[in-house]
Amino acid sequence: MCLAVSFTVIVVEIKFNIELALDLHWIFTIYNSPR
């Protein structure tokens, strides 16, 4: 039970980190694009 909960939390954190990294990547790309 505890192991399953820990695994779920890890998966959610990884998913959140990937989405955050992609958002930052796009913000960085758009910000640096020539106007």
PDB file of N, CA and C in Angstrom:
ATOM      1  N   MET A   1       0.833  -1.202   0.000  1.00  0.00           N
ATOM      2  CA  MET A   1       0.000   0.000   0.000  1.00  0.00           C
ATOM      3  C   MET A   1       0.864   1.247   0.000  1.00  0.00           C
ATOM      4  N   CYS A   2       1.773   1.291   0.963  1.00  0.00           N
ATOM      5  CA  CYS A   2       2.644   2.467   1.071  1.00  0.00           C
ATOM      6  C   CYS A   2       3.518   2.605  -0.170  1.00  0.00           C
ATOM      7  N   LEU A   3       3.978   1.463  -0.685  1.00  0.00           N
ATOM      8  CA  LEU A   3       4.840   1.476  -1.866  1.00  0.00           C
ATOM      9  C   LEU A   3       4.077   1.993  -3.082  1.00  0.00           C
ATOM     10  N   ALA A   4       2.818   1.579  -3.224  1.00  0.00           N
ATOM     11  CA  ALA A   4       2.003   2.022  -4.358  1.00  0.00           C
ATOM     12  C   ALA A   4       1.764   3.524  -4.290  1.00  0.00           C
ATOM     13  N   VAL A   5       1.503   4.033  -3.095  1.00  0.00           N
ATOM     14  CA  VAL A   5       1.268   5.473  -2.926  1.00  0.00           C
ATOM     15  C   VAL A   5       2.534   6.244  -3.280  1.00  0.00           C
ATOM     16  N   SER A   6       3.673   5.753  -2.804  1.00  0.00           N
ATOM     17  CA  SER A   6       4.946   6.414  -3.113  1.00  0.00           C
ATOM     18  C   SER A   6       5.201   6.434  -4.617  1.00  0.00           C
ATOM     19  N   PHE A   7       4.919   5.312  -5.271  1.00  0.00           N
ATOM     20  CA  PHE A   7       5.130   5.220  -6.718  1.00  0.00           C
ATOM     21  C   PHE A   7       4.234   6.207  -7.450  1.00  0.00           C
ATOM     22  N   THR A   8       2.976   6.319  -7.016  1.00  0.00           N
ATOM     23  CA  THR A   8       2.040   7.255  -7.645  1.00  0.00           C
ATOM     24  C   THR A   8       2.525   8.691  -7.482  1.00  0.00           C
ATOM     25  N   VAL A   9       2.985   9.018  -6.291  1.00  0.00           N
ATOM     26  CA  VAL A   9       3.495  10.372  -6.038  1.00  0.00           C
ATOM     27  C   VAL A   9       4.687  10.662  -6.937  1.00  0.00           C
ATOM     28  N   ILE A  10       5.584   9.702  -7.078  1.00  0.00           N
ATOM     29  CA  ILE A  10       6.766   9.883  -7.933  1.00  0.00           C
ATOM     30  C   ILE A  10       6.349  10.117  -9.386  1.00  0.00           C
ATOM     31  N   VAL A  11       5.388   9.336  -9.870  1.00  0.00           N
ATOM     32  CA  VAL A  11       4.927   9.487 -11.255  1.00  0.00           C
ATOM     33  C   VAL A  11       4.308  10.871 -11.465  1.00  0.00           C
ATOM     34  N   VAL A  12       3.485  11.315 -10.516  1.00  0.00           N
ATOM     35  CA  VAL A  12       2.855  12.627 -10.624  1.00  0.00           C
ATOM     36  C   VAL A  12       3.908  13.728 -10.618  1.00  0.00           C
ATOM     37  N   GLU A  13       4.898  13.591  -9.746  1.00  0.00           N
ATOM     38  CA  GLU A  13       5.956  14.602  -9.681  1.00  0.00           C
ATOM     39  C   GLU A  13       6.750  14.651 -10.982  1.00  0.00           C
ATOM     40  N   ILE A  14       7.069  13.490 -11.543  1.00  0.00           N
ATOM     41  CA  ILE A  14       7.812  13.456 -12.814  1.00  0.00           C
ATOM     42  C   ILE A  14       6.989  14.110 -13.925  1.00  0.00           C
ATOM     43  N   LYS A  15       5.690  13.782 -13.985  1.00  0.00           N
ATOM     44  CA  LYS A  15       4.812  14.353 -14.997  1.00  0.00           C
ATOM     45  C   LYS A  15       4.753  15.873 -14.845  1.00  0.00           C
ATOM     46  N   PHE A  16       4.633  16.336 -13.589  1.00  0.00           N
ATOM     47  CA  PHE A  16       4.562  17.773 -13.332  1.00  0.00           C
ATOM     48  C   PHE A  16       5.870  18.448 -13.735  1.00  0.00           C
ATOM     49  N   ASN A  17       7.000  17.814 -13.408  1.00  0.00           N
ATOM     50  CA  ASN A  17       8.297  18.383 -13.750  1.00  0.00           C
ATOM     51  C   ASN A  17       8.490  18.468 -15.259  1.00  0.00           C
ATOM     52  N   ILE A  18       8.035  17.452 -15.988  1.00  0.00           N
ATOM     53  CA  ILE A  18       8.159  17.468 -17.446  1.00  0.00           C
ATOM     54  C   ILE A  18       7.307  18.596 -18.036  1.00  0.00           C
ATOM     55  N   GLU A  19       6.071  18.736 -17.545  1.00  0.00           N
ATOM     56  CA  GLU A  19       5.201  19.792 -18.059  1.00  0.00           C
ATOM     57  C   GLU A  19       5.775  21.164 -17.747  1.00  0.00           C
ATOM     58  N   LEU A  20       6.321  21.323 -16.540  1.00  0.00           N
ATOM     59  CA  LEU A  20       6.916  22.600 -16.147  1.00  0.00           C
ATOM     60  C   LEU A  20       8.124  22.913 -17.027  1.00  0.00           C
ATOM     61  N   ALA A  21       8.948  21.901 -17.279  1.00  0.00           N
ATOM     62  CA  ALA A  21      10.123  22.090 -18.111  1.00  0.00           C
ATOM     63  C   ALA A  21       9.719  22.479 -19.541  1.00  0.00           C
ATOM     64  N   LEU A  22       8.660  21.852 -20.060  1.00  0.00           N
ATOM     65  CA  LEU A  22       8.198  22.185 -21.406  1.00  0.00           C
ATOM     66  C   LEU A  22       7.656  23.615 -21.449  1.00  0.00           C
ATOM     67  N   ASP A  23       6.901  23.995 -20.413  1.00  0.00           N
ATOM     68  CA  ASP A  23       6.368  25.360 -20.360  1.00  0.00           C
ATOM     69  C   ASP A  23       7.510  26.369 -20.340  1.00  0.00           C
ATOM     70  N   LEU A  24       8.514  26.120 -19.510  1.00  0.00           N
ATOM     71  CA  LEU A  24       9.655  27.036 -19.431  1.00  0.00           C
ATOM     72  C   LEU A  24      10.400  27.072 -20.758  1.00  0.00           C
ATOM     73  N   HIS A  25      10.508  25.919 -21.412  1.00  0.00           N
ATOM     74  CA  HIS A  25      11.189  25.865 -22.708  1.00  0.00           C
ATOM     75  C   HIS A  25      10.466  26.725 -23.733  1.00  0.00           C
ATOM     76  N   TRP A  26       9.134  26.622 -23.781  1.00  0.00           N
ATOM     77  CA  TRP A  26       8.373  27.407 -24.746  1.00  0.00           C
ATOM     78  C   TRP A  26       8.415  28.892 -24.418  1.00  0.00           C
ATOM     79  N   ILE A  27       8.322  29.227 -23.120  1.00  0.00           N
ATOM     80  CA  ILE A  27       8.404  30.637 -22.729  1.00  0.00           C
ATOM     81  C   ILE A  27       9.761  31.197 -23.134  1.00  0.00           C
ATOM     82  N   PHE A  28      10.818  30.422 -22.877  1.00  0.00           N
ATOM     83  CA  PHE A  28      12.171  30.854 -23.218  1.00  0.00           C
ATOM     84  C   PHE A  28      12.316  31.033 -24.726  1.00  0.00           C
ATOM     85  N   THR A  29      11.758  30.094 -25.501  1.00  0.00           N
ATOM     86  CA  THR A  29      11.847  30.152 -26.960  1.00  0.00           C
ATOM     87  C   THR A  29      11.090  31.357 -27.511  1.00  0.00           C
ATOM     88  N   ILE A  30       9.873  31.560 -27.032  1.00  0.00           N
ATOM     89  CA  ILE A  30       9.062  32.681 -27.518  1.00  0.00           C
ATOM     90  C   ILE A  30       9.705  34.014 -27.118  1.00  0.00           C
ATOM     91  N   TYR A  31      10.230  34.066 -25.892  1.00  0.00           N
ATOM     92  CA  TYR A  31      10.830  35.308 -25.404  1.00  0.00           C
ATOM     93  C   TYR A  31      12.071  35.677 -26.222  1.00  0.00           C
ATOM     94  N   ASN A  32      12.829  34.657 -26.648  1.00  0.00           N
ATOM     95  CA  ASN A  32      14.061  34.913 -27.390  1.00  0.00           C
ATOM     96  C   ASN A  32      13.847  35.000 -28.898  1.00  0.00           C
ATOM     97  N   SER A  33      12.628  34.745 -29.352  1.00  0.00           N
ATOM     98  CA  SER A  33      12.381  34.808 -30.789  1.00  0.00           C
ATOM     99  C   SER A  33      12.458  36.255 -31.262  1.00  0.00           C
ATOM    100  N   PRO A  34      12.997  36.471 -32.447  1.00  0.00           N
ATOM    101  CA  PRO A  34      13.084  37.849 -32.969  1.00  0.00           C
ATOM    102  C   PRO A  34      11.703  38.450 -33.126  1.00  0.00           C
ATOM    103  N   ARG A  35      11.559  39.670 -32.683  1.00  0.00           N
ATOM    104  CA  ARG A  35      10.248  40.329 -32.727  1.00  0.00           C
ATOM    105  C   ARG A  35      10.020  40.975 -34.086  1.00  0.00           C
TER     106      ARG A  35
END
